[in-house]
């Protein structure tokens, strides 16, 4: 999708969801080459064609997801689910892990320096 396909002053963030059926999204060869140049990739002619097809399919799926309202499904959480109290509790595995460490200092695992 290019900026030319948006209305004047409309950005990706401000674009309102489209309620019309998703139009086929196509990425052409030139767009793939532009993206490849930005990513500093060298693509063969076959790779360029394959990427155009694959990117078009991916953007088509994204367009379908954008159309989904979720009105025909139940919420994953009702918000009234019981939740446990959030409290700090001692870990039972820390002493075991410290016993396995090749070197330790107090309650910390000592590791070799990797940054000079």
C-alpha atoms as a PDB file:
ATOM      1  CA  UNK A   1       0.000   0.000   0.000  1.00  0.00           C
ATOM      2  CA  UNK A   2       1.418   3.390  -0.877  1.00  0.00           C
ATOM      3  CA  UNK A   3       0.741   6.857   0.482  1.00  0.00           C
ATOM      4  CA  UNK A   4      -0.998   7.729  -2.797  1.00  0.00           C
ATOM      5  CA  UNK A   5      -3.811   5.299  -1.925  1.00  0.00           C
ATOM      6  CA  UNK A   6      -4.706   7.305   1.197  1.00  0.00           C
ATOM      7  CA  UNK A   7      -6.771  10.456   1.174  1.00  0.00           C
ATOM      8  CA  UNK A   8      -5.238  13.913   1.661  1.00  0.00           C
ATOM      9  CA  UNK A   9      -3.896  14.351   5.192  1.00  0.00           C
ATOM     10  CA  UNK A  10      -4.717  10.766   6.074  1.00  0.00           C
ATOM     11  CA  UNK A  11      -1.939   8.772   7.730  1.00  0.00           C
ATOM     12  CA  UNK A  12      -1.764   5.147   8.732  1.00  0.00           C
ATOM     13  CA  UNK A  13      -2.475   6.137  12.328  1.00  0.00           C
ATOM     14  CA  UNK A  14      -5.426   8.383  11.524  1.00  0.00           C
ATOM     15  CA  UNK A  15      -7.021   6.216   8.862  1.00  0.00           C
ATOM     16  CA  UNK A  16     -10.416   4.985   9.987  1.00  0.00           C
ATOM     17  CA  UNK A  17     -11.147   1.283   9.534  1.00  0.00           C
ATOM     18  CA  UNK A  18     -12.732   0.593   6.175  1.00  0.00           C
ATOM     19  CA  UNK A  19     -16.120  -1.094   6.433  1.00  0.00           C
ATOM     20  CA  UNK A  20     -16.160  -2.162   2.792  1.00  0.00           C
ATOM     21  CA  UNK A  21     -15.063  -5.633   1.714  1.00  0.00           C
ATOM     22  CA  UNK A  22     -11.291  -5.922   1.495  1.00  0.00           C
ATOM     23  CA  UNK A  23     -10.014  -5.099  -1.961  1.00  0.00           C
ATOM     24  CA  UNK A  24      -7.246  -7.299  -3.302  1.00  0.00           C
ATOM     25  CA  UNK A  25      -3.897  -5.943  -2.201  1.00  0.00           C
ATOM     26  CA  UNK A  26      -1.126  -6.227  -4.735  1.00  0.00           C
ATOM     27  CA  UNK A  27       2.543  -5.474  -4.421  1.00  0.00           C
ATOM     28  CA  UNK A  28       4.193  -4.951  -7.764  1.00  0.00           C
ATOM     29  CA  UNK A  29       7.740  -5.701  -8.849  1.00  0.00           C
ATOM     30  CA  UNK A  30       8.879  -2.089  -8.428  1.00  0.00           C
ATOM     31  CA  UNK A  31       7.617  -1.991  -4.830  1.00  0.00           C
ATOM     32  CA  UNK A  32       9.510  -5.199  -4.024  1.00  0.00           C
ATOM     33  CA  UNK A  33      12.674  -3.744  -5.550  1.00  0.00           C
ATOM     34  CA  UNK A  34      12.238  -0.546  -3.518  1.00  0.00           C
ATOM     35  CA  UNK A  35      11.818  -2.545  -0.291  1.00  0.00           C
ATOM     36  CA  UNK A  36      14.787  -4.745  -1.213  1.00  0.00           C
ATOM     37  CA  UNK A  37      16.938  -1.657  -1.779  1.00  0.00           C
ATOM     38  CA  UNK A  38      15.930  -0.263   1.625  1.00  0.00           C
ATOM     39  CA  UNK A  39      16.840  -3.594   3.227  1.00  0.00           C
ATOM     40  CA  UNK A  40      20.022  -3.757   1.127  1.00  0.00           C
ATOM     41  CA  UNK A  41      18.982  -7.051  -0.406  1.00  0.00           C
ATOM     42  CA  UNK A  42      19.877  -8.271  -3.854  1.00  0.00           C
ATOM     43  CA  UNK A  43      17.050 -10.317  -5.353  1.00  0.00           C
ATOM     44  CA  UNK A  44      17.028 -12.333  -8.517  1.00  0.00           C
ATOM     45  CA  UNK A  45      14.178 -11.879 -10.974  1.00  0.00           C
ATOM     46  CA  UNK A  46      12.549 -15.070  -9.681  1.00  0.00           C
ATOM     47  CA  UNK A  47      12.913 -13.967  -6.056  1.00  0.00           C
ATOM     48  CA  UNK A  48      11.415 -10.570  -6.894  1.00  0.00           C
ATOM     49  CA  UNK A  49       8.366 -12.188  -8.475  1.00  0.00           C
ATOM     50  CA  UNK A  50       7.972 -14.645  -5.577  1.00  0.00           C
ATOM     51  CA  UNK A  51       8.273 -11.840  -3.011  1.00  0.00           C
ATOM     52  CA  UNK A  52       5.655  -9.772  -4.864  1.00  0.00           C
ATOM     53  CA  UNK A  53       3.251 -12.719  -4.755  1.00  0.00           C
ATOM     54  CA  UNK A  54       3.981 -13.531  -1.099  1.00  0.00           C
ATOM     55  CA  UNK A  55       3.775  -9.907   0.085  1.00  0.00           C
ATOM     56  CA  UNK A  56       0.491  -9.455  -1.775  1.00  0.00           C
ATOM     57  CA  UNK A  57      -0.902 -12.542  -0.036  1.00  0.00           C
ATOM     58  CA  UNK A  58       0.290 -11.340   3.390  1.00  0.00           C
ATOM     59  CA  UNK A  59      -1.216  -7.887   2.899  1.00  0.00           C
ATOM     60  CA  UNK A  60      -4.429  -9.529   1.698  1.00  0.00           C
ATOM     61  CA  UNK A  61      -4.637 -11.473   4.955  1.00  0.00           C
ATOM     62  CA  UNK A  62      -3.944  -8.299   6.936  1.00  0.00           C
ATOM     63  CA  UNK A  63      -6.752  -6.555   5.045  1.00  0.00           C
ATOM     64  CA  UNK A  64      -9.101  -9.410   5.961  1.00  0.00           C
ATOM     65  CA  UNK A  65      -8.102  -9.090   9.616  1.00  0.00           C
ATOM     66  CA  UNK A  66      -8.756  -5.358   9.482  1.00  0.00           C
ATOM     67  CA  UNK A  67     -12.301  -6.138   8.370  1.00  0.00           C
ATOM     68  CA  UNK A  68     -12.958  -8.491  11.286  1.00  0.00           C
ATOM     69  CA  UNK A  69     -15.129  -6.863  13.920  1.00  0.00           C
ATOM     70  CA  UNK A  70     -15.224  -9.732  16.353  1.00  0.00           C
ATOM     71  CA  UNK A  71     -18.916  -9.072  16.979  1.00  0.00           C
ATOM     72  CA  UNK A  72     -19.761 -12.716  16.359  1.00  0.00           C
ATOM     73  CA  UNK A  73     -17.421 -14.038  19.052  1.00  0.00           C
ATOM     74  CA  UNK A  74     -17.436 -13.861  22.820  1.00  0.00           C
ATOM     75  CA  UNK A  75     -14.799 -11.865  24.668  1.00  0.00           C
ATOM     76  CA  UNK A  76     -11.777 -13.817  25.858  1.00  0.00           C
ATOM     77  CA  UNK A  77     -12.245 -12.399  29.352  1.00  0.00           C
ATOM     78  CA  UNK A  78     -15.340 -10.969  30.916  1.00  0.00           C
ATOM     79  CA  UNK A  79     -13.352  -8.828  33.307  1.00  0.00           C
ATOM     80  CA  UNK A  80     -15.123 -10.416  36.246  1.00  0.00           C
ATOM     81  CA  UNK A  81     -12.867 -13.469  36.404  1.00  0.00           C
ATOM     82  CA  UNK A  82     -11.473 -14.171  39.838  1.00  0.00           C
ATOM     83  CA  UNK A  83      -7.898 -13.112  40.192  1.00  0.00           C
ATOM     84  CA  UNK A  84      -5.443 -14.081  42.856  1.00  0.00           C
ATOM     85  CA  UNK A  85      -3.874 -11.473  45.065  1.00  0.00           C
ATOM     86  CA  UNK A  86      -0.519 -10.271  43.772  1.00  0.00           C
ATOM     87  CA  UNK A  87       2.002 -10.816  46.541  1.00  0.00           C
ATOM     88  CA  UNK A  88       5.718 -11.352  46.871  1.00  0.00           C
ATOM     89  CA  UNK A  89       6.702 -14.873  47.866  1.00  0.00           C
ATOM     90  CA  UNK A  90      10.117 -16.458  48.197  1.00  0.00           C
ATOM     91  CA  UNK A  91      11.212 -18.613  45.304  1.00  0.00           C
ATOM     92  CA  UNK A  92      11.797 -22.259  46.045  1.00  0.00           C
ATOM     93  CA  UNK A  93      14.140 -22.807  43.110  1.00  0.00           C
ATOM     94  CA  UNK A  94      16.717 -20.058  43.694  1.00  0.00           C
ATOM     95  CA  UNK A  95      18.737 -22.027  46.264  1.00  0.00           C
ATOM     96  CA  UNK A  96      18.745 -25.041  43.934  1.00  0.00           C
ATOM     97  CA  UNK A  97      19.918 -22.919  41.003  1.00  0.00           C
ATOM     98  CA  UNK A  98      22.661 -21.308  43.077  1.00  0.00           C
ATOM     99  CA  UNK A  99      23.906 -24.760  44.033  1.00  0.00           C
ATOM    100  CA  UNK A 100      24.273 -25.581  40.328  1.00  0.00           C
ATOM    101  CA  UNK A 101      26.179 -22.375  39.479  1.00  0.00           C
ATOM    102  CA  UNK A 102      29.906 -22.877  38.858  1.00  0.00           C
ATOM    103  CA  UNK A 103      30.695 -19.615  40.694  1.00  0.00           C
ATOM    104  CA  UNK A 104      28.560 -17.483  42.955  1.00  0.00           C
ATOM    105  CA  UNK A 105      28.796 -14.468  45.179  1.00  0.00           C
ATOM    106  CA  UNK A 106      26.212 -14.194  47.947  1.00  0.00           C
ATOM    107  CA  UNK A 107      22.848 -14.850  46.260  1.00  0.00           C
ATOM    108  CA  UNK A 108      24.187 -14.019  42.779  1.00  0.00           C
ATOM    109  CA  UNK A 109      25.647 -16.133  39.989  1.00  0.00           C
ATOM    110  CA  UNK A 110      29.101 -14.945  38.997  1.00  0.00           C
ATOM    111  CA  UNK A 111      29.772 -15.005  35.231  1.00  0.00           C
ATOM    112  CA  UNK A 112      32.859 -14.194  33.172  1.00  0.00           C
ATOM    113  CA  UNK A 113      33.161 -10.594  31.993  1.00  0.00           C
ATOM    114  CA  UNK A 114      32.111 -10.254  28.337  1.00  0.00           C
ATOM    115  CA  UNK A 115      32.383  -6.487  27.929  1.00  0.00           C
ATOM    116  CA  UNK A 116      35.743  -4.815  28.370  1.00  0.00           C
END
